[in-house]
Amino acid sequence: MTDFIFSWFRSSVLQILIIVGPVLLVALVLGIIISILQVLTQIHDPSVAFVPKFLVIMLLVLFFGGTVVNVMVRFFNGLVSAWQTLP
């Protein structure tokens, strides 16, 4: 039973990293690019950094939201089927 719990916890953390990782990585790279552009142009308005990151993250969620839902449903179905086989 404890092996199942540890295995489930490990796989759930891995699923979280798979789901959130690409969005965070894109936001990080975009933030660095925008920061470099702000330094070069000396424009230090906070909305210049916020709006592009917000739009890109929303586009990522829009395009890859279905894939994320499929990953979560597959994980949940595997969890339920594994839970039913426990003694």
N, C-alpha and C. Protein backbone atom coordinates (compact mmCIF):
# COMPACT_ATOMS: atom_id res chain seq x y z
N MET A 1 0.83 -1.20 0.00
CA MET A 1 0.00 0.00 0.00
C MET A 1 0.87 1.26 0.00
N THR A 2 1.91 1.28 0.85
CA THR A 2 2.76 2.47 0.88
C THR A 2 3.56 2.61 -0.41
N ASP A 3 3.91 1.48 -1.05
CA ASP A 3 4.59 1.56 -2.34
C ASP A 3 3.69 2.23 -3.37
N PHE A 4 2.42 1.90 -3.32
CA PHE A 4 1.47 2.52 -4.25
C PHE A 4 1.37 4.02 -4.01
N ILE A 5 1.33 4.42 -2.76
CA ILE A 5 1.21 5.85 -2.44
C ILE A 5 2.46 6.60 -2.89
N PHE A 6 3.64 6.05 -2.62
CA PHE A 6 4.87 6.71 -3.05
C PHE A 6 4.98 6.76 -4.57
N SER A 7 4.58 5.68 -5.21
CA SER A 7 4.60 5.65 -6.67
C SER A 7 3.62 6.66 -7.24
N TRP A 8 2.43 6.74 -6.66
CA TRP A 8 1.42 7.70 -7.12
C TRP A 8 1.90 9.13 -6.90
N PHE A 9 2.51 9.39 -5.75
CA PHE A 9 3.02 10.73 -5.47
C PHE A 9 4.11 11.11 -6.46
N ARG A 10 5.03 10.19 -6.72
CA ARG A 10 6.12 10.44 -7.66
C ARG A 10 5.57 10.72 -9.06
N SER A 11 4.63 9.92 -9.50
CA SER A 11 4.08 10.12 -10.85
C SER A 11 3.23 11.39 -10.92
N SER A 12 2.58 11.77 -9.83
CA SER A 12 1.81 13.01 -9.85
C SER A 12 2.72 14.23 -9.93
N VAL A 13 3.85 14.20 -9.23
CA VAL A 13 4.81 15.30 -9.33
C VAL A 13 5.37 15.38 -10.75
N LEU A 14 5.65 14.23 -11.34
CA LEU A 14 6.13 14.20 -12.72
C LEU A 14 5.09 14.75 -13.68
N GLN A 15 3.83 14.42 -13.47
CA GLN A 15 2.76 14.94 -14.33
C GLN A 15 2.64 16.46 -14.19
N ILE A 16 2.79 16.96 -12.98
CA ILE A 16 2.74 18.41 -12.77
C ILE A 16 3.87 19.09 -13.53
N LEU A 17 5.06 18.51 -13.46
CA LEU A 17 6.20 19.09 -14.19
C LEU A 17 5.99 19.04 -15.69
N ILE A 18 5.40 17.96 -16.19
CA ILE A 18 5.13 17.84 -17.62
C ILE A 18 4.09 18.87 -18.07
N ILE A 19 3.10 19.11 -17.24
CA ILE A 19 2.03 20.04 -17.61
C ILE A 19 2.49 21.49 -17.50
N VAL A 20 3.16 21.84 -16.43
CA VAL A 20 3.50 23.24 -16.16
C VAL A 20 4.85 23.64 -16.74
N GLY A 21 5.74 22.69 -16.91
CA GLY A 21 7.09 22.98 -17.36
C GLY A 21 7.21 23.77 -18.65
N PRO A 22 6.55 23.34 -19.72
CA PRO A 22 6.69 24.09 -20.98
C PRO A 22 6.20 25.53 -20.89
N VAL A 23 5.11 25.76 -20.19
CA VAL A 23 4.59 27.12 -20.06
C VAL A 23 5.57 27.99 -19.26
N LEU A 24 6.10 27.45 -18.18
CA LEU A 24 7.06 28.21 -17.39
C LEU A 24 8.35 28.47 -18.15
N LEU A 25 8.79 27.50 -18.93
CA LEU A 25 10.00 27.67 -19.72
C LEU A 25 9.83 28.76 -20.78
N VAL A 26 8.69 28.76 -21.46
CA VAL A 26 8.41 29.79 -22.46
C VAL A 26 8.31 31.16 -21.80
N ALA A 27 7.66 31.23 -20.65
CA ALA A 27 7.55 32.51 -19.94
C ALA A 27 8.92 33.01 -19.49
N LEU A 28 9.79 32.10 -19.06
CA LEU A 28 11.13 32.48 -18.65
C LEU A 28 11.94 33.04 -19.82
N VAL A 29 11.92 32.33 -20.94
CA VAL A 29 12.67 32.78 -22.12
C VAL A 29 12.12 34.10 -22.63
N LEU A 30 10.81 34.22 -22.69
CA LEU A 30 10.19 35.47 -23.15
C LEU A 30 10.50 36.61 -22.19
N GLY A 31 10.51 36.35 -20.90
CA GLY A 31 10.85 37.38 -19.92
C GLY A 31 12.27 37.87 -20.07
N ILE A 32 13.19 36.94 -20.34
CA ILE A 32 14.58 37.34 -20.55
C ILE A 32 14.72 38.18 -21.81
N ILE A 33 14.06 37.77 -22.89
CA ILE A 33 14.12 38.54 -24.14
C ILE A 33 13.54 39.93 -23.95
N ILE A 34 12.40 40.03 -23.29
CA ILE A 34 11.77 41.33 -23.06
C ILE A 34 12.64 42.20 -22.16
N SER A 35 13.26 41.60 -21.16
CA SER A 35 14.14 42.37 -20.28
C SER A 35 15.34 42.92 -21.03
N ILE A 36 15.91 42.12 -21.92
CA ILE A 36 17.03 42.61 -22.73
C ILE A 36 16.57 43.75 -23.63
N LEU A 37 15.40 43.61 -24.25
CA LEU A 37 14.88 44.69 -25.10
C LEU A 37 14.60 45.95 -24.29
N GLN A 38 14.11 45.80 -23.06
CA GLN A 38 13.86 46.97 -22.22
C GLN A 38 15.16 47.66 -21.84
N VAL A 39 16.20 46.90 -21.59
CA VAL A 39 17.48 47.51 -21.26
C VAL A 39 18.05 48.24 -22.47
N LEU A 40 17.94 47.62 -23.64
CA LEU A 40 18.48 48.24 -24.84
C LEU A 40 17.73 49.51 -25.24
N THR A 41 16.41 49.51 -25.08
CA THR A 41 15.61 50.67 -25.48
C THR A 41 15.36 51.63 -24.33
N GLN A 42 15.71 51.26 -23.13
CA GLN A 42 15.50 52.06 -21.92
C GLN A 42 14.03 52.41 -21.69
N ILE A 43 13.16 51.47 -22.05
CA ILE A 43 11.73 51.60 -21.75
C ILE A 43 11.47 50.70 -20.54
N HIS A 44 11.07 51.30 -19.43
CA HIS A 44 10.90 50.54 -18.20
C HIS A 44 9.46 50.55 -17.72
N ASP A 45 8.53 50.48 -18.65
CA ASP A 45 7.12 50.42 -18.31
C ASP A 45 6.76 48.96 -17.96
N PRO A 46 6.11 48.71 -16.83
CA PRO A 46 5.79 47.33 -16.46
C PRO A 46 4.85 46.62 -17.43
N SER A 47 3.99 47.38 -18.10
CA SER A 47 3.07 46.74 -19.03
C SER A 47 3.78 46.19 -20.26
N VAL A 48 4.95 46.73 -20.58
CA VAL A 48 5.72 46.21 -21.71
C VAL A 48 6.17 44.78 -21.43
N ALA A 49 6.44 44.46 -20.20
CA ALA A 49 6.84 43.10 -19.85
C ALA A 49 5.64 42.20 -19.62
N PHE A 50 4.55 42.74 -19.12
CA PHE A 50 3.41 41.91 -18.75
C PHE A 50 2.57 41.47 -19.94
N VAL A 51 2.25 42.38 -20.82
CA VAL A 51 1.31 42.10 -21.91
C VAL A 51 1.81 41.00 -22.85
N PRO A 52 3.05 41.04 -23.34
CA PRO A 52 3.48 39.95 -24.23
C PRO A 52 3.52 38.59 -23.54
N LYS A 53 3.96 38.55 -22.29
CA LYS A 53 3.99 37.28 -21.57
C LYS A 53 2.57 36.74 -21.37
N PHE A 54 1.66 37.62 -21.03
CA PHE A 54 0.27 37.21 -20.83
C PHE A 54 -0.32 36.66 -22.13
N LEU A 55 -0.10 37.35 -23.23
CA LEU A 55 -0.64 36.91 -24.51
C LEU A 55 -0.05 35.57 -24.96
N VAL A 56 1.25 35.41 -24.80
CA VAL A 56 1.89 34.15 -25.21
C VAL A 56 1.43 33.00 -24.33
N ILE A 57 1.30 33.21 -23.04
CA ILE A 57 0.84 32.14 -22.16
C ILE A 57 -0.61 31.78 -22.47
N MET A 58 -1.45 32.76 -22.75
CA MET A 58 -2.83 32.46 -23.13
C MET A 58 -2.89 31.69 -24.44
N LEU A 59 -2.04 32.03 -25.40
CA LEU A 59 -2.00 31.28 -26.66
C LEU A 59 -1.53 29.84 -26.43
N LEU A 60 -0.55 29.66 -25.57
CA LEU A 60 -0.09 28.31 -25.24
C LEU A 60 -1.21 27.49 -24.60
N VAL A 61 -1.92 28.10 -23.67
CA VAL A 61 -3.03 27.39 -23.02
C VAL A 61 -4.13 27.08 -24.03
N LEU A 62 -4.39 28.00 -24.94
CA LEU A 62 -5.41 27.79 -25.95
C LEU A 62 -5.04 26.65 -26.89
N PHE A 63 -3.79 26.63 -27.35
CA PHE A 63 -3.38 25.61 -28.31
C PHE A 63 -3.11 24.25 -27.67
N PHE A 64 -2.55 24.23 -26.47
CA PHE A 64 -2.16 22.97 -25.86
C PHE A 64 -3.04 22.57 -24.68
N GLY A 65 -4.15 23.26 -24.48
CA GLY A 65 -5.05 22.93 -23.38
C GLY A 65 -5.66 21.55 -23.51
N GLY A 66 -6.01 21.17 -24.74
CA GLY A 66 -6.58 19.85 -24.96
C GLY A 66 -5.61 18.74 -24.64
N THR A 67 -4.35 18.94 -24.98
CA THR A 67 -3.32 17.96 -24.68
C THR A 67 -3.14 17.82 -23.18
N VAL A 68 -3.16 18.94 -22.48
CA VAL A 68 -3.01 18.92 -21.02
C VAL A 68 -4.18 18.17 -20.38
N VAL A 69 -5.38 18.42 -20.87
CA VAL A 69 -6.55 17.73 -20.33
C VAL A 69 -6.44 16.23 -20.59
N ASN A 70 -5.99 15.84 -21.78
CA ASN A 70 -5.82 14.41 -22.08
C ASN A 70 -4.79 13.77 -21.17
N VAL A 71 -3.70 14.46 -20.89
CA VAL A 71 -2.68 13.92 -19.98
C VAL A 71 -3.27 13.73 -18.58
N MET A 72 -4.04 14.71 -18.11
CA MET A 72 -4.62 14.61 -16.77
C MET A 72 -5.68 13.51 -16.70
N VAL A 73 -6.50 13.37 -17.75
CA VAL A 73 -7.53 12.32 -17.76
C VAL A 73 -6.88 10.95 -17.79
N ARG A 74 -5.83 10.79 -18.61
CA ARG A 74 -5.12 9.51 -18.68
C ARG A 74 -4.49 9.17 -17.33
N PHE A 75 -3.92 10.16 -16.66
CA PHE A 75 -3.32 9.93 -15.34
C PHE A 75 -4.39 9.53 -14.33
N PHE A 76 -5.51 10.23 -14.34
CA PHE A 76 -6.58 9.92 -13.39
C PHE A 76 -7.16 8.54 -13.65
N ASN A 77 -7.36 8.18 -14.92
CA ASN A 77 -7.88 6.85 -15.24
C ASN A 77 -6.92 5.76 -14.80
N GLY A 78 -5.63 5.99 -14.99
CA GLY A 78 -4.64 5.02 -14.51
C GLY A 78 -4.64 4.91 -13.00
N LEU A 79 -4.83 6.03 -12.33
CA LEU A 79 -4.88 6.02 -10.87
C LEU A 79 -6.10 5.25 -10.37
N VAL A 80 -7.25 5.49 -10.98
CA VAL A 80 -8.47 4.80 -10.55
C VAL A 80 -8.37 3.31 -10.82
N SER A 81 -7.85 2.94 -11.99
CA SER A 81 -7.73 1.50 -12.28
C SER A 81 -6.71 0.83 -11.37
N ALA A 82 -5.64 1.53 -11.02
CA ALA A 82 -4.67 0.96 -10.08
C ALA A 82 -5.25 0.87 -8.67
N TRP A 83 -6.07 1.83 -8.31
CA TRP A 83 -6.68 1.84 -6.98
C TRP A 83 -7.64 0.66 -6.82
N GLN A 84 -8.33 0.30 -7.90
CA GLN A 84 -9.28 -0.80 -7.84
C GLN A 84 -8.59 -2.15 -7.69
N THR A 85 -7.34 -2.25 -8.10
CA THR A 85 -6.64 -3.53 -8.00
C THR A 85 -5.94 -3.73 -6.66
N LEU A 86 -5.98 -2.73 -5.80
CA LEU A 86 -5.34 -2.87 -4.48
C LEU A 86 -6.12 -3.86 -3.63
N PRO A 87 -5.39 -4.60 -2.79
CA PRO A 87 -6.09 -5.56 -1.91
C PRO A 87 -6.81 -4.89 -0.77
